[in-house]
Amino acid sequence: MDKIFEYLSVGLGLEKHVLKEACGGEELRLLAKINYYPPCPRPDLALGVAPHTDMSTLTLLVPNDVPGLQVFKDDHWFDAKYVPDAIIVHIGDQLEILSNGKYKSVLHRTTVNKEKVRISWPVFCEPPGELAIGPLPQLVDNENPGKYKTKKFKDYQYCKINKLPQ
């Protein structure tokens, strides 16, 4: 995960340690979840998970070999191709905020399968709740003003979960 943060920092023209430190450094929390989607007789009428973006900085997703992840791009839903032994990396809301919108949180959803069980194991990389997250000062200037409010991660979570304005 450290290498991912380094590559993303360098991609923004920053020193490689900047994003991980801005997300909490060694205090970064890893939360694992298991998603279980049983077979569904009418997959055309159901979703596994409704469209959303992740609150995290990054999400590392390990899927089984049953397709179901879709991402939204250019006004269309696209199936994510299953690649054996690969981990899918999602940019989350906190990286979008820190990058002042240069990186976009991925809008995604999951579908269900008529005959097979689908399982996925996401690991959410989140800042500590008390950490204030906002656009990095290095990415804000007169031509690129801050697009997001700085707030504690726990307050961001509360607003998103309760569908309150950010």
N, C-alpha and C. Protein backbone atom coordinates (compact mmCIF):
# COMPACT_ATOMS: atom_id res chain seq x y z
N MET A 1 0.81 -1.19 0.00
CA MET A 1 0.00 0.00 0.00
C MET A 1 0.87 1.27 0.00
N ASP A 2 2.01 1.20 0.70
CA ASP A 2 2.89 2.36 0.73
C ASP A 2 3.31 2.77 -0.68
N LYS A 3 3.62 1.78 -1.53
CA LYS A 3 4.03 2.09 -2.90
C LYS A 3 2.91 2.79 -3.67
N ILE A 4 1.68 2.38 -3.45
CA ILE A 4 0.55 3.02 -4.13
C ILE A 4 0.48 4.49 -3.73
N PHE A 5 0.58 4.77 -2.43
CA PHE A 5 0.59 6.16 -1.98
C PHE A 5 1.76 6.93 -2.59
N GLU A 6 2.92 6.30 -2.68
CA GLU A 6 4.08 6.97 -3.27
C GLU A 6 3.83 7.31 -4.73
N TYR A 7 3.34 6.35 -5.50
CA TYR A 7 3.08 6.60 -6.93
C TYR A 7 2.03 7.70 -7.11
N LEU A 8 1.00 7.67 -6.28
CA LEU A 8 -0.05 8.70 -6.40
C LEU A 8 0.49 10.08 -6.01
N SER A 9 1.37 10.14 -5.02
CA SER A 9 1.99 11.42 -4.64
C SER A 9 2.82 11.97 -5.79
N VAL A 10 3.67 11.12 -6.34
CA VAL A 10 4.53 11.54 -7.45
C VAL A 10 3.67 11.97 -8.65
N GLY A 11 2.54 11.27 -8.87
CA GLY A 11 1.63 11.64 -9.96
C GLY A 11 1.05 13.04 -9.81
N LEU A 12 1.01 13.53 -8.58
CA LEU A 12 0.54 14.90 -8.32
C LEU A 12 1.68 15.91 -8.31
N GLY A 13 2.91 15.44 -8.57
CA GLY A 13 4.06 16.33 -8.53
C GLY A 13 4.56 16.60 -7.13
N LEU A 14 4.23 15.72 -6.18
CA LEU A 14 4.61 15.89 -4.78
C LEU A 14 5.71 14.90 -4.42
N GLU A 15 6.36 15.15 -3.29
CA GLU A 15 7.30 14.17 -2.79
C GLU A 15 6.54 12.91 -2.42
N LYS A 16 7.20 11.76 -2.53
CA LYS A 16 6.47 10.50 -2.44
C LYS A 16 5.84 10.20 -1.08
N HIS A 17 6.25 10.84 -0.03
CA HIS A 17 5.70 10.59 1.30
C HIS A 17 4.45 11.42 1.62
N VAL A 18 4.12 12.40 0.81
CA VAL A 18 3.12 13.41 1.16
C VAL A 18 1.72 12.83 1.37
N LEU A 19 1.21 12.05 0.44
CA LEU A 19 -0.17 11.55 0.57
C LEU A 19 -0.35 10.63 1.77
N LYS A 20 0.56 9.72 1.98
CA LYS A 20 0.40 8.83 3.13
C LYS A 20 0.40 9.62 4.43
N GLU A 21 1.31 10.58 4.55
CA GLU A 21 1.35 11.41 5.76
C GLU A 21 0.07 12.21 5.92
N ALA A 22 -0.46 12.74 4.81
CA ALA A 22 -1.69 13.53 4.87
C ALA A 22 -2.89 12.68 5.26
N CYS A 23 -2.80 11.37 5.03
CA CYS A 23 -3.89 10.43 5.39
C CYS A 23 -3.73 9.86 6.78
N GLY A 24 -2.69 10.25 7.49
CA GLY A 24 -2.51 9.76 8.84
C GLY A 24 -1.22 9.00 9.08
N GLY A 25 -0.43 8.78 8.02
CA GLY A 25 0.85 8.09 8.19
C GLY A 25 0.67 6.72 8.81
N GLU A 26 1.39 6.46 9.88
CA GLU A 26 1.32 5.15 10.54
C GLU A 26 0.00 4.97 11.31
N GLU A 27 -0.78 6.02 11.46
CA GLU A 27 -2.08 5.93 12.13
C GLU A 27 -3.20 5.56 11.16
N LEU A 28 -2.89 5.42 9.88
CA LEU A 28 -3.87 5.02 8.87
C LEU A 28 -4.53 3.72 9.31
N ARG A 29 -5.84 3.68 9.23
CA ARG A 29 -6.60 2.50 9.68
C ARG A 29 -6.95 1.62 8.48
N LEU A 30 -6.86 0.33 8.69
CA LEU A 30 -7.26 -0.64 7.67
C LEU A 30 -8.47 -1.39 8.20
N LEU A 31 -9.58 -1.31 7.46
CA LEU A 31 -10.81 -1.97 7.87
C LEU A 31 -11.21 -2.97 6.80
N ALA A 32 -11.25 -4.24 7.17
CA ALA A 32 -11.62 -5.28 6.22
C ALA A 32 -13.10 -5.60 6.35
N LYS A 33 -13.69 -5.94 5.23
CA LYS A 33 -15.10 -6.28 5.18
C LYS A 33 -15.24 -7.48 4.24
N ILE A 34 -16.25 -8.28 4.45
CA ILE A 34 -16.53 -9.38 3.53
C ILE A 34 -17.93 -9.15 2.97
N ASN A 35 -18.02 -9.09 1.66
CA ASN A 35 -19.32 -8.95 0.99
C ASN A 35 -19.72 -10.29 0.40
N TYR A 36 -20.91 -10.75 0.74
CA TYR A 36 -21.44 -12.03 0.26
C TYR A 36 -22.71 -11.75 -0.52
N TYR A 37 -22.71 -12.16 -1.78
CA TYR A 37 -23.87 -11.96 -2.65
C TYR A 37 -24.36 -13.34 -3.09
N PRO A 38 -25.47 -13.83 -2.51
CA PRO A 38 -25.97 -15.15 -2.89
C PRO A 38 -26.55 -15.12 -4.30
N PRO A 39 -26.74 -16.30 -4.90
CA PRO A 39 -27.39 -16.33 -6.21
C PRO A 39 -28.75 -15.63 -6.14
N CYS A 40 -29.12 -14.98 -7.22
CA CYS A 40 -30.37 -14.24 -7.27
C CYS A 40 -31.16 -14.68 -8.50
N PRO A 41 -32.38 -15.16 -8.31
CA PRO A 41 -33.14 -15.65 -9.46
C PRO A 41 -33.46 -14.59 -10.50
N ARG A 42 -33.50 -13.31 -10.08
CA ARG A 42 -33.80 -12.22 -11.02
C ARG A 42 -32.76 -11.11 -10.90
N PRO A 43 -31.54 -11.35 -11.39
CA PRO A 43 -30.49 -10.34 -11.26
C PRO A 43 -30.81 -9.04 -12.00
N ASP A 44 -31.76 -9.11 -12.95
CA ASP A 44 -32.16 -7.90 -13.67
C ASP A 44 -32.97 -6.96 -12.78
N LEU A 45 -33.44 -7.45 -11.62
CA LEU A 45 -34.26 -6.64 -10.72
C LEU A 45 -33.55 -6.25 -9.43
N ALA A 46 -32.29 -6.64 -9.27
CA ALA A 46 -31.60 -6.40 -8.00
C ALA A 46 -30.16 -5.96 -8.23
N LEU A 47 -29.63 -5.24 -7.26
CA LEU A 47 -28.21 -4.91 -7.22
C LEU A 47 -27.63 -5.52 -5.95
N GLY A 48 -26.36 -5.84 -5.98
CA GLY A 48 -25.68 -6.27 -4.77
C GLY A 48 -25.48 -5.08 -3.84
N VAL A 49 -24.96 -4.00 -4.39
CA VAL A 49 -24.77 -2.74 -3.67
C VAL A 49 -25.10 -1.61 -4.64
N ALA A 50 -25.86 -0.64 -4.16
CA ALA A 50 -26.25 0.52 -4.98
C ALA A 50 -25.02 1.37 -5.32
N PRO A 51 -25.12 2.21 -6.34
CA PRO A 51 -23.99 3.07 -6.73
C PRO A 51 -23.52 3.95 -5.57
N HIS A 52 -22.20 4.02 -5.41
CA HIS A 52 -21.61 4.81 -4.34
C HIS A 52 -20.12 5.04 -4.61
N THR A 53 -19.55 5.95 -3.87
CA THR A 53 -18.10 6.10 -3.80
C THR A 53 -17.70 5.72 -2.38
N ASP A 54 -16.46 5.34 -2.19
CA ASP A 54 -15.99 4.93 -0.87
C ASP A 54 -15.49 6.15 -0.10
N MET A 55 -15.78 6.19 1.21
CA MET A 55 -15.33 7.28 2.07
C MET A 55 -13.83 7.25 2.32
N SER A 56 -13.21 6.13 2.07
CA SER A 56 -11.81 5.89 2.39
C SER A 56 -10.86 6.75 1.55
N THR A 57 -9.57 6.58 1.81
CA THR A 57 -8.57 7.18 0.92
C THR A 57 -8.39 6.24 -0.27
N LEU A 58 -8.14 4.98 0.05
CA LEU A 58 -8.02 3.91 -0.95
C LEU A 58 -8.85 2.73 -0.48
N THR A 59 -9.32 1.94 -1.44
CA THR A 59 -9.93 0.66 -1.13
C THR A 59 -9.21 -0.39 -1.95
N LEU A 60 -8.74 -1.42 -1.29
CA LEU A 60 -8.11 -2.55 -1.95
C LEU A 60 -9.14 -3.67 -1.96
N LEU A 61 -9.49 -4.15 -3.13
CA LEU A 61 -10.58 -5.10 -3.28
C LEU A 61 -10.09 -6.40 -3.88
N VAL A 62 -10.35 -7.49 -3.18
CA VAL A 62 -10.04 -8.82 -3.68
C VAL A 62 -11.38 -9.49 -4.01
N PRO A 63 -11.65 -9.72 -5.29
CA PRO A 63 -12.91 -10.38 -5.67
C PRO A 63 -12.69 -11.87 -5.90
N ASN A 64 -13.80 -12.64 -5.86
CA ASN A 64 -13.67 -14.01 -6.35
C ASN A 64 -13.86 -13.97 -7.86
N ASP A 65 -13.96 -15.14 -8.50
CA ASP A 65 -13.97 -15.17 -9.96
C ASP A 65 -15.35 -14.94 -10.58
N VAL A 66 -16.33 -14.55 -9.76
CA VAL A 66 -17.68 -14.27 -10.27
C VAL A 66 -17.77 -12.77 -10.55
N PRO A 67 -18.02 -12.36 -11.78
CA PRO A 67 -18.09 -10.92 -12.09
C PRO A 67 -19.24 -10.25 -11.36
N GLY A 68 -19.14 -8.95 -11.21
CA GLY A 68 -20.21 -8.21 -10.57
C GLY A 68 -19.88 -6.77 -10.29
N LEU A 69 -18.60 -6.42 -10.24
CA LEU A 69 -18.22 -5.03 -10.01
C LEU A 69 -18.40 -4.24 -11.29
N GLN A 70 -19.05 -3.09 -11.16
CA GLN A 70 -19.20 -2.17 -12.29
C GLN A 70 -18.74 -0.78 -11.87
N VAL A 71 -18.11 -0.07 -12.80
CA VAL A 71 -17.68 1.31 -12.56
C VAL A 71 -18.39 2.22 -13.56
N PHE A 72 -18.61 3.45 -13.12
CA PHE A 72 -19.33 4.42 -13.95
C PHE A 72 -18.33 5.37 -14.57
N LYS A 73 -18.37 5.46 -15.90
CA LYS A 73 -17.46 6.36 -16.63
C LYS A 73 -18.15 6.78 -17.92
N ASP A 74 -18.04 8.06 -18.23
CA ASP A 74 -18.60 8.59 -19.47
C ASP A 74 -20.09 8.25 -19.61
N ASP A 75 -20.82 8.40 -18.53
CA ASP A 75 -22.27 8.18 -18.50
C ASP A 75 -22.71 6.74 -18.76
N HIS A 76 -21.82 5.79 -18.53
CA HIS A 76 -22.16 4.38 -18.74
C HIS A 76 -21.57 3.53 -17.61
N TRP A 77 -22.23 2.42 -17.32
CA TRP A 77 -21.72 1.43 -16.39
C TRP A 77 -20.90 0.41 -17.17
N PHE A 78 -19.69 0.13 -16.68
CA PHE A 78 -18.80 -0.84 -17.31
C PHE A 78 -18.48 -1.95 -16.33
N ASP A 79 -18.48 -3.19 -16.83
CA ASP A 79 -18.09 -4.32 -16.01
C ASP A 79 -16.58 -4.29 -15.82
N ALA A 80 -16.15 -4.47 -14.57
CA ALA A 80 -14.72 -4.59 -14.30
C ALA A 80 -14.31 -6.01 -14.66
N LYS A 81 -13.29 -6.12 -15.45
CA LYS A 81 -12.82 -7.42 -15.88
C LYS A 81 -12.13 -8.13 -14.71
N TYR A 82 -12.47 -9.38 -14.51
CA TYR A 82 -11.81 -10.17 -13.48
C TYR A 82 -10.43 -10.60 -13.99
N VAL A 83 -9.42 -10.31 -13.21
CA VAL A 83 -8.05 -10.72 -13.51
C VAL A 83 -7.59 -11.60 -12.36
N PRO A 84 -7.32 -12.88 -12.62
CA PRO A 84 -6.92 -13.77 -11.53
C PRO A 84 -5.72 -13.22 -10.74
N ASP A 85 -5.80 -13.35 -9.43
CA ASP A 85 -4.73 -12.95 -8.51
C ASP A 85 -4.45 -11.44 -8.48
N ALA A 86 -5.36 -10.65 -9.04
CA ALA A 86 -5.18 -9.19 -9.03
C ALA A 86 -5.98 -8.57 -7.89
N ILE A 87 -5.51 -7.45 -7.42
CA ILE A 87 -6.22 -6.65 -6.43
C ILE A 87 -6.69 -5.39 -7.15
N ILE A 88 -7.95 -5.06 -6.96
CA ILE A 88 -8.52 -3.85 -7.56
C ILE A 88 -8.32 -2.71 -6.57
N VAL A 89 -7.84 -1.58 -7.05
CA VAL A 89 -7.60 -0.42 -6.20
C VAL A 89 -8.58 0.68 -6.59
N HIS A 90 -9.37 1.12 -5.61
CA HIS A 90 -10.30 2.23 -5.83
C HIS A 90 -9.74 3.48 -5.17
N ILE A 91 -9.79 4.58 -5.88
CA ILE A 91 -9.54 5.89 -5.26
C ILE A 91 -10.79 6.23 -4.47
N GLY A 92 -10.61 6.64 -3.22
CA GLY A 92 -11.74 7.00 -2.38
C GLY A 92 -11.91 8.50 -2.24
N ASP A 93 -12.96 8.88 -1.53
CA ASP A 93 -13.31 10.29 -1.37
C ASP A 93 -12.18 11.13 -0.77
N GLN A 94 -11.46 10.56 0.20
CA GLN A 94 -10.43 11.35 0.87
C GLN A 94 -9.27 11.70 -0.06
N LEU A 95 -8.94 10.81 -1.00
CA LEU A 95 -7.90 11.16 -1.97
C LEU A 95 -8.39 12.20 -2.96
N GLU A 96 -9.67 12.14 -3.30
CA GLU A 96 -10.21 13.19 -4.17
C GLU A 96 -10.10 14.54 -3.48
N ILE A 97 -10.43 14.57 -2.19
CA ILE A 97 -10.36 15.83 -1.44
C ILE A 97 -8.92 16.31 -1.33
N LEU A 98 -8.02 15.42 -0.89
CA LEU A 98 -6.61 15.80 -0.74
C LEU A 98 -6.00 16.30 -2.04
N SER A 99 -6.37 15.66 -3.15
CA SER A 99 -5.80 16.04 -4.46
C SER A 99 -6.52 17.23 -5.07
N ASN A 100 -7.49 17.79 -4.34
CA ASN A 100 -8.29 18.92 -4.83
C ASN A 100 -8.98 18.58 -6.16
N GLY A 101 -9.41 17.32 -6.27
CA GLY A 101 -10.17 16.90 -7.44
C GLY A 101 -9.34 16.36 -8.59
N LYS A 102 -8.02 16.35 -8.45
CA LYS A 102 -7.20 15.80 -9.55
C LYS A 102 -7.38 14.29 -9.66
N TYR A 103 -7.52 13.62 -8.52
CA TYR A 103 -7.90 12.21 -8.52
C TYR A 103 -9.38 12.16 -8.18
N LYS A 104 -10.11 11.31 -8.85
CA LYS A 104 -11.56 11.20 -8.66
C LYS A 104 -11.91 9.91 -7.94
N SER A 105 -12.77 10.04 -6.96
CA SER A 105 -13.30 8.87 -6.27
C SER A 105 -14.16 8.08 -7.26
N VAL A 106 -13.96 6.78 -7.32
CA VAL A 106 -14.63 5.98 -8.34
C VAL A 106 -16.07 5.63 -7.92
N LEU A 107 -17.01 5.99 -8.78
CA LEU A 107 -18.41 5.62 -8.58
C LEU A 107 -18.56 4.18 -9.06
N HIS A 108 -19.04 3.32 -8.18
CA HIS A 108 -19.16 1.91 -8.53
C HIS A 108 -20.39 1.29 -7.87
N ARG A 109 -20.72 0.11 -8.33
CA ARG A 109 -21.83 -0.66 -7.78
C ARG A 109 -21.52 -2.13 -8.01
N THR A 110 -22.33 -3.00 -7.42
CA THR A 110 -22.16 -4.42 -7.68
C THR A 110 -23.48 -5.02 -8.13
N THR A 111 -23.35 -5.99 -9.02
CA THR A 111 -24.51 -6.72 -9.51
C THR A 111 -24.47 -8.12 -8.89
N VAL A 112 -25.54 -8.84 -9.07
CA VAL A 112 -25.63 -10.20 -8.55
C VAL A 112 -25.71 -11.18 -9.72
N ASN A 113 -25.44 -12.44 -9.42
CA ASN A 113 -25.41 -13.48 -10.43
C ASN A 113 -26.58 -14.43 -10.20
N LYS A 114 -27.14 -14.92 -11.27
CA LYS A 114 -28.31 -15.80 -11.18
C LYS A 114 -27.96 -17.16 -10.57
N GLU A 115 -26.74 -17.65 -10.85
CA GLU A 115 -26.42 -19.03 -10.47
C GLU A 115 -25.28 -19.18 -9.45
N LYS A 116 -24.44 -18.17 -9.33
CA LYS A 116 -23.24 -18.33 -8.50
C LYS A 116 -23.18 -17.31 -7.37
N VAL A 117 -22.52 -17.72 -6.29
CA VAL A 117 -22.23 -16.82 -5.18
C VAL A 117 -21.07 -15.92 -5.58
N ARG A 118 -21.21 -14.64 -5.29
CA ARG A 118 -20.11 -13.70 -5.48
C ARG A 118 -19.66 -13.23 -4.11
N ILE A 119 -18.37 -13.21 -3.91
CA ILE A 119 -17.79 -12.73 -2.65
C ILE A 119 -16.69 -11.74 -2.98
N SER A 120 -16.60 -10.68 -2.20
CA SER A 120 -15.47 -9.76 -2.34
C SER A 120 -14.99 -9.37 -0.95
N TRP A 121 -13.70 -9.05 -0.90
CA TRP A 121 -13.06 -8.68 0.35
C TRP A 121 -12.43 -7.30 0.19
N PRO A 122 -13.18 -6.23 0.47
CA PRO A 122 -12.56 -4.90 0.42
C PRO A 122 -11.81 -4.58 1.71
N VAL A 123 -10.69 -3.91 1.57
CA VAL A 123 -9.95 -3.36 2.72
C VAL A 123 -9.94 -1.85 2.52
N PHE A 124 -10.59 -1.15 3.43
CA PHE A 124 -10.69 0.30 3.36
C PHE A 124 -9.52 0.92 4.13
N CYS A 125 -8.77 1.78 3.49
CA CYS A 125 -7.66 2.49 4.11
C CYS A 125 -8.17 3.88 4.47
N GLU A 126 -8.34 4.10 5.77
CA GLU A 126 -8.98 5.34 6.23
C GLU A 126 -8.07 6.12 7.18
N PRO A 127 -8.21 7.44 7.13
CA PRO A 127 -7.47 8.25 8.11
C PRO A 127 -8.10 8.10 9.50
N PRO A 128 -7.36 8.44 10.55
CA PRO A 128 -7.96 8.45 11.88
C PRO A 128 -9.13 9.44 11.93
N GLY A 129 -10.13 9.14 12.73
CA GLY A 129 -11.34 9.96 12.78
C GLY A 129 -11.10 11.42 13.10
N GLU A 130 -10.13 11.71 13.95
CA GLU A 130 -9.87 13.10 14.38
C GLU A 130 -9.04 13.89 13.37
N LEU A 131 -8.49 13.21 12.36
CA LEU A 131 -7.63 13.89 11.39
C LEU A 131 -8.46 14.77 10.46
N ALA A 132 -8.06 16.02 10.32
CA ALA A 132 -8.73 16.95 9.40
C ALA A 132 -8.18 16.73 7.99
N ILE A 133 -9.09 16.53 7.05
CA ILE A 133 -8.72 16.28 5.65
C ILE A 133 -9.26 17.43 4.80
N GLY A 134 -8.39 17.98 3.97
CA GLY A 134 -8.78 19.04 3.04
C GLY A 134 -7.79 19.05 1.89
N PRO A 135 -8.02 19.88 0.91
CA PRO A 135 -7.07 19.95 -0.21
C PRO A 135 -5.66 20.28 0.28
N LEU A 136 -4.68 19.56 -0.25
CA LEU A 136 -3.30 19.83 0.14
C LEU A 136 -2.90 21.24 -0.29
N PRO A 137 -2.26 21.99 0.59
CA PRO A 137 -1.87 23.38 0.25
C PRO A 137 -1.02 23.46 -1.02
N GLN A 138 -0.21 22.43 -1.29
CA GLN A 138 0.65 22.43 -2.47
C GLN A 138 -0.16 22.38 -3.77
N LEU A 139 -1.45 22.00 -3.67
CA LEU A 139 -2.28 21.85 -4.87
C LEU A 139 -3.34 22.95 -5.00
N VAL A 140 -3.23 23.95 -4.14
CA VAL A 140 -4.19 25.05 -4.15
C VAL A 140 -3.45 26.35 -4.43
N ASP A 141 -3.97 27.13 -5.39
CA ASP A 141 -3.43 28.46 -5.68
C ASP A 141 -4.54 29.30 -6.31
N ASN A 142 -4.20 30.48 -6.80
CA ASN A 142 -5.22 31.36 -7.38
C ASN A 142 -5.91 30.73 -8.59
N GLU A 143 -5.17 29.96 -9.36
CA GLU A 143 -5.76 29.32 -10.54
C GLU A 143 -6.51 28.03 -10.19
N ASN A 144 -6.17 27.45 -9.05
CA ASN A 144 -6.80 26.21 -8.60
C ASN A 144 -7.22 26.36 -7.14
N PRO A 145 -8.30 27.10 -6.90
CA PRO A 145 -8.73 27.27 -5.50
C PRO A 145 -9.23 25.95 -4.91
N GLY A 146 -9.25 25.87 -3.59
CA GLY A 146 -9.73 24.67 -2.92
C GLY A 146 -11.18 24.39 -3.28
N LYS A 147 -11.47 23.14 -3.65
CA LYS A 147 -12.82 22.74 -4.05
C LYS A 147 -13.59 22.07 -2.94
N TYR A 148 -12.93 21.77 -1.83
CA TYR A 148 -13.55 21.00 -0.75
C TYR A 148 -13.28 21.67 0.59
N LYS A 149 -14.20 21.49 1.52
CA LYS A 149 -14.02 21.99 2.88
C LYS A 149 -13.10 21.04 3.64
N THR A 150 -12.29 21.60 4.52
CA THR A 150 -11.49 20.78 5.41
C THR A 150 -12.35 20.39 6.59
N LYS A 151 -12.37 19.10 6.91
CA LYS A 151 -13.12 18.63 8.08
C LYS A 151 -12.52 17.35 8.60
N LYS A 152 -12.82 17.07 9.86
CA LYS A 152 -12.36 15.82 10.44
C LYS A 152 -13.00 14.65 9.69
N PHE A 153 -12.22 13.59 9.54
CA PHE A 153 -12.73 12.44 8.82
C PHE A 153 -14.01 11.90 9.46
N LYS A 154 -14.08 11.86 10.79
CA LYS A 154 -15.28 11.35 11.45
C LYS A 154 -16.50 12.21 11.12
N ASP A 155 -16.31 13.50 10.94
CA ASP A 155 -17.42 14.39 10.56
C ASP A 155 -17.82 14.14 9.11
N TYR A 156 -16.83 13.89 8.25
CA TYR A 156 -17.13 13.54 6.87
C TYR A 156 -17.96 12.26 6.82
N GLN A 157 -17.54 11.25 7.58
CA GLN A 157 -18.28 9.98 7.63
C GLN A 157 -19.72 10.20 8.07
N TYR A 158 -19.89 10.97 9.13
CA TYR A 158 -21.23 11.23 9.67
C TYR A 158 -22.12 11.87 8.60
N CYS A 159 -21.60 12.88 7.92
CA CYS A 159 -22.38 13.55 6.88
C CYS A 159 -22.71 12.61 5.73
N LYS A 160 -21.75 11.81 5.30
CA LYS A 160 -22.00 10.92 4.16
C LYS A 160 -22.99 9.83 4.53
N ILE A 161 -22.81 9.22 5.67
CA ILE A 161 -23.73 8.15 6.10
C ILE A 161 -25.15 8.67 6.24
N ASN A 162 -25.28 9.88 6.75
CA ASN A 162 -26.60 10.47 6.98
C ASN A 162 -27.09 11.34 5.82
N LYS A 163 -26.36 11.28 4.70
CA LYS A 163 -26.73 12.00 3.48
C LYS A 163 -26.94 13.49 3.73
N LEU A 164 -26.00 14.08 4.49
CA LEU A 164 -26.02 15.51 4.76
C LEU A 164 -25.04 16.21 3.84
N PRO A 165 -25.26 17.49 3.57
CA PRO A 165 -24.32 18.21 2.69
C PRO A 165 -22.91 18.19 3.26
N GLN A 166 -21.96 18.11 2.37
CA GLN A 166 -20.56 18.14 2.79
C GLN A 166 -20.09 19.58 2.76
